[in-house]
Amino acid sequence: LSRYAINLGARPQFEYHVNQDGHAEGDQVSALYAAGWSGINFELSASRHDTETFYESLGDKQRVVYDVFPPQVVAALDANEVPKDADFLKIDVDSFVCDFLERILRG
């Protein structure tokens, strides 16, 4: 295993739970990072401060890239030397899920 995760739609927080409205909150990937995994996290810059504070608390095994959309995702993965054999891919964005997945699989 490479113990490397690609996290699109990072939503940085450790607790993953279902709220009283039945919606999932939190991020499943954070538990992997707490277990020592490395990864790259894609998030929108609107949440930059909270995102950076969260990932800095985990050490230097995580990278964060902001405002990447489907046309740029493969270039962003390559520019950050993301291993081709990453073990975990999470795509949790409000739209473009299929576009992201298609470009990553083709890349």
C-alpha atoms as a PDB file:
ATOM      1  CA  LEU A   1       0.000   0.000   0.000  1.00  0.00           C
ATOM      2  CA  SER A   2       1.112   3.538  -0.716  1.00  0.00           C
ATOM      3  CA  ARG A   3      -0.961   4.866   2.232  1.00  0.00           C
ATOM      4  CA  TYR A   4      -1.765   7.918   0.123  1.00  0.00           C
ATOM      5  CA  ALA A   5      -5.196   9.548  -0.232  1.00  0.00           C
ATOM      6  CA  ILE A   6      -6.619  11.983  -2.758  1.00  0.00           C
ATOM      7  CA  ASN A   7      -9.332  14.053  -1.110  1.00  0.00           C
ATOM      8  CA  LEU A   8     -11.441  16.225  -3.417  1.00  0.00           C
ATOM      9  CA  GLY A   9     -13.786  18.351  -1.329  1.00  0.00           C
ATOM     10  CA  ALA A  10     -11.660  18.124   1.778  1.00  0.00           C
ATOM     11  CA  ARG A  11     -14.045  19.510   4.459  1.00  0.00           C
ATOM     12  CA  PRO A  12     -11.407  19.212   7.185  1.00  0.00           C
ATOM     13  CA  GLN A  13     -12.669  17.767  10.444  1.00  0.00           C
ATOM     14  CA  PHE A  14     -12.070  14.526  12.268  1.00  0.00           C
ATOM     15  CA  GLU A  15     -15.571  13.615  13.287  1.00  0.00           C
ATOM     16  CA  TYR A  16     -17.699  11.922  10.664  1.00  0.00           C
ATOM     17  CA  HIS A  17     -21.327  11.548  11.640  1.00  0.00           C
ATOM     18  CA  VAL A  18     -24.882  11.872  10.400  1.00  0.00           C
ATOM     19  CA  ASN A  19     -26.666  14.972  11.674  1.00  0.00           C
ATOM     20  CA  GLN A  20     -30.283  15.062  12.846  1.00  0.00           C
ATOM     21  CA  ASP A  21     -31.431  15.891   9.295  1.00  0.00           C
ATOM     22  CA  GLY A  22     -29.860  12.661   8.042  1.00  0.00           C
ATOM     23  CA  HIS A  23     -26.965  14.369   6.234  1.00  0.00           C
ATOM     24  CA  ALA A  24     -23.386  13.174   6.644  1.00  0.00           C
ATOM     25  CA  GLU A  25     -20.953  15.694   8.087  1.00  0.00           C
ATOM     26  CA  GLY A  26     -17.200  15.573   8.446  1.00  0.00           C
ATOM     27  CA  ASP A  27     -14.566  13.860   6.390  1.00  0.00           C
ATOM     28  CA  GLN A  28     -13.823  10.162   6.184  1.00  0.00           C
ATOM     29  CA  VAL A  29     -10.252  10.775   4.993  1.00  0.00           C
ATOM     30  CA  SER A  30      -9.137  12.572   8.166  1.00  0.00           C
ATOM     31  CA  ALA A  31      -9.145   9.261  10.035  1.00  0.00           C
ATOM     32  CA  LEU A  32      -6.585   7.941   7.546  1.00  0.00           C
ATOM     33  CA  TYR A  33      -4.370  10.963   8.147  1.00  0.00           C
ATOM     34  CA  ALA A  34      -4.626  10.464  11.887  1.00  0.00           C
ATOM     35  CA  ALA A  35      -3.350   6.915  11.251  1.00  0.00           C
ATOM     36  CA  GLY A  36      -0.265   8.271   9.468  1.00  0.00           C
ATOM     37  CA  TRP A  37      -1.353   8.359   5.837  1.00  0.00           C
ATOM     38  CA  SER A  38      -0.172  11.038   3.412  1.00  0.00           C
ATOM     39  CA  GLY A  39      -2.408  12.849   0.987  1.00  0.00           C
ATOM     40  CA  ILE A  40      -3.445  15.758  -1.130  1.00  0.00           C
ATOM     41  CA  ASN A  41      -6.571  17.722  -0.314  1.00  0.00           C
ATOM     42  CA  PHE A  42      -8.512  19.891  -2.712  1.00  0.00           C
ATOM     43  CA  GLU A  43     -10.690  22.635  -1.278  1.00  0.00           C
ATOM     44  CA  LEU A  44     -12.128  26.009  -2.225  1.00  0.00           C
ATOM     45  CA  SER A  45     -10.165  29.024  -1.036  1.00  0.00           C
ATOM     46  CA  ALA A  46     -13.224  30.413   0.771  1.00  0.00           C
ATOM     47  CA  SER A  47     -12.366  28.056   3.645  1.00  0.00           C
ATOM     48  CA  ARG A  48      -8.602  28.558   3.387  1.00  0.00           C
ATOM     49  CA  HIS A  49      -7.877  29.628   6.986  1.00  0.00           C
ATOM     50  CA  ASP A  50      -9.725  26.739   8.641  1.00  0.00           C
ATOM     51  CA  THR A  51      -8.372  24.257   6.100  1.00  0.00           C
ATOM     52  CA  GLU A  52      -4.746  25.270   6.585  1.00  0.00           C
ATOM     53  CA  THR A  53      -5.063  25.313  10.373  1.00  0.00           C
ATOM     54  CA  PHE A  54      -6.522  21.807  10.340  1.00  0.00           C
ATOM     55  CA  TYR A  55      -3.928  20.212   8.051  1.00  0.00           C
ATOM     56  CA  GLU A  56      -1.003  21.976   9.715  1.00  0.00           C
ATOM     57  CA  SER A  57      -2.061  20.272  12.950  1.00  0.00           C
ATOM     58  CA  LEU A  58      -1.466  16.891  11.260  1.00  0.00           C
ATOM     59  CA  GLY A  59       2.136  17.571  10.268  1.00  0.00           C
ATOM     60  CA  ASP A  60       3.803  17.665   6.876  1.00  0.00           C
ATOM     61  CA  LYS A  61       2.282  14.569   5.245  1.00  0.00           C
ATOM     62  CA  GLN A  62      -0.675  16.462   3.760  1.00  0.00           C
ATOM     63  CA  ARG A  63      -0.791  19.044   1.016  1.00  0.00           C
ATOM     64  CA  VAL A  64      -3.668  21.367   0.220  1.00  0.00           C
ATOM     65  CA  VAL A  65      -4.476  22.792  -3.190  1.00  0.00           C
ATOM     66  CA  TYR A  66      -7.192  25.387  -3.679  1.00  0.00           C
ATOM     67  CA  ASP A  67      -9.713  26.148  -6.395  1.00  0.00           C
ATOM     68  CA  VAL A  68      -8.988  23.237  -8.731  1.00  0.00           C
ATOM     69  CA  PHE A  69     -11.762  22.320 -11.147  1.00  0.00           C
ATOM     70  CA  PRO A  70     -12.010  19.283 -13.447  1.00  0.00           C
ATOM     71  CA  PRO A  71      -9.930  20.721 -16.330  1.00  0.00           C
ATOM     72  CA  GLN A  72      -6.979  21.322 -13.955  1.00  0.00           C
ATOM     73  CA  VAL A  73      -7.164  18.262 -11.686  1.00  0.00           C
ATOM     74  CA  VAL A  74      -4.681  16.025 -13.526  1.00  0.00           C
ATOM     75  CA  ALA A  75      -2.148  18.849 -13.839  1.00  0.00           C
ATOM     76  CA  ALA A  76      -2.548  19.566 -10.102  1.00  0.00           C
ATOM     77  CA  LEU A  77      -1.990  15.895  -9.231  1.00  0.00           C
ATOM     78  CA  ASP A  78       1.122  15.773 -11.443  1.00  0.00           C
ATOM     79  CA  ALA A  79       2.483  19.090 -10.132  1.00  0.00           C
ATOM     80  CA  ASN A  80       2.221  17.777  -6.575  1.00  0.00           C
ATOM     81  CA  GLU A  81       3.826  14.416  -7.434  1.00  0.00           C
ATOM     82  CA  VAL A  82       0.814  12.415  -6.328  1.00  0.00           C
ATOM     83  CA  PRO A  83       1.584   8.699  -6.664  1.00  0.00           C
ATOM     84  CA  LYS A  84      -0.270   6.894  -9.447  1.00  0.00           C
ATOM     85  CA  ASP A  85      -0.969   4.063  -7.003  1.00  0.00           C
ATOM     86  CA  ALA A  86      -2.836   6.136  -4.401  1.00  0.00           C
ATOM     87  CA  ASP A  87      -4.929   3.857  -2.215  1.00  0.00           C
ATOM     88  CA  PHE A  88      -7.923   6.079  -1.582  1.00  0.00           C
ATOM     89  CA  LEU A  89      -9.853   8.561  -3.724  1.00  0.00           C
ATOM     90  CA  LYS A  90     -12.707  10.578  -2.259  1.00  0.00           C
ATOM     91  CA  ILE A  91     -14.698  12.982  -4.420  1.00  0.00           C
ATOM     92  CA  ASP A  92     -17.225  14.950  -2.399  1.00  0.00           C
ATOM     93  CA  VAL A  93     -18.057  18.111  -4.286  1.00  0.00           C
ATOM     94  CA  ASP A  94     -21.422  19.736  -4.907  1.00  0.00           C
ATOM     95  CA  SER A  95     -21.077  19.182  -8.626  1.00  0.00           C
ATOM     96  CA  PHE A  96     -18.573  17.926 -11.197  1.00  0.00           C
ATOM     97  CA  VAL A  97     -18.157  14.523  -9.493  1.00  0.00           C
ATOM     98  CA  CYS A  98     -18.279  12.580 -12.768  1.00  0.00           C
ATOM     99  CA  ASP A  99     -16.103  15.173 -14.517  1.00  0.00           C
ATOM    100  CA  PHE A 100     -13.411  14.877 -11.831  1.00  0.00           C
ATOM    101  CA  LEU A 101     -13.510  11.083 -11.878  1.00  0.00           C
ATOM    102  CA  GLU A 102     -13.374  10.850 -15.668  1.00  0.00           C
ATOM    103  CA  ARG A 103     -10.368  13.172 -15.902  1.00  0.00           C
ATOM    104  CA  ILE A 104      -8.498  11.388 -13.114  1.00  0.00           C
ATOM    105  CA  LEU A 105      -9.085   7.973 -14.683  1.00  0.00           C
ATOM    106  CA  ARG A 106      -7.964   9.234 -18.103  1.00  0.00           C
ATOM    107  CA  GLY A 107      -4.957  11.079 -16.630  1.00  0.00           C
END
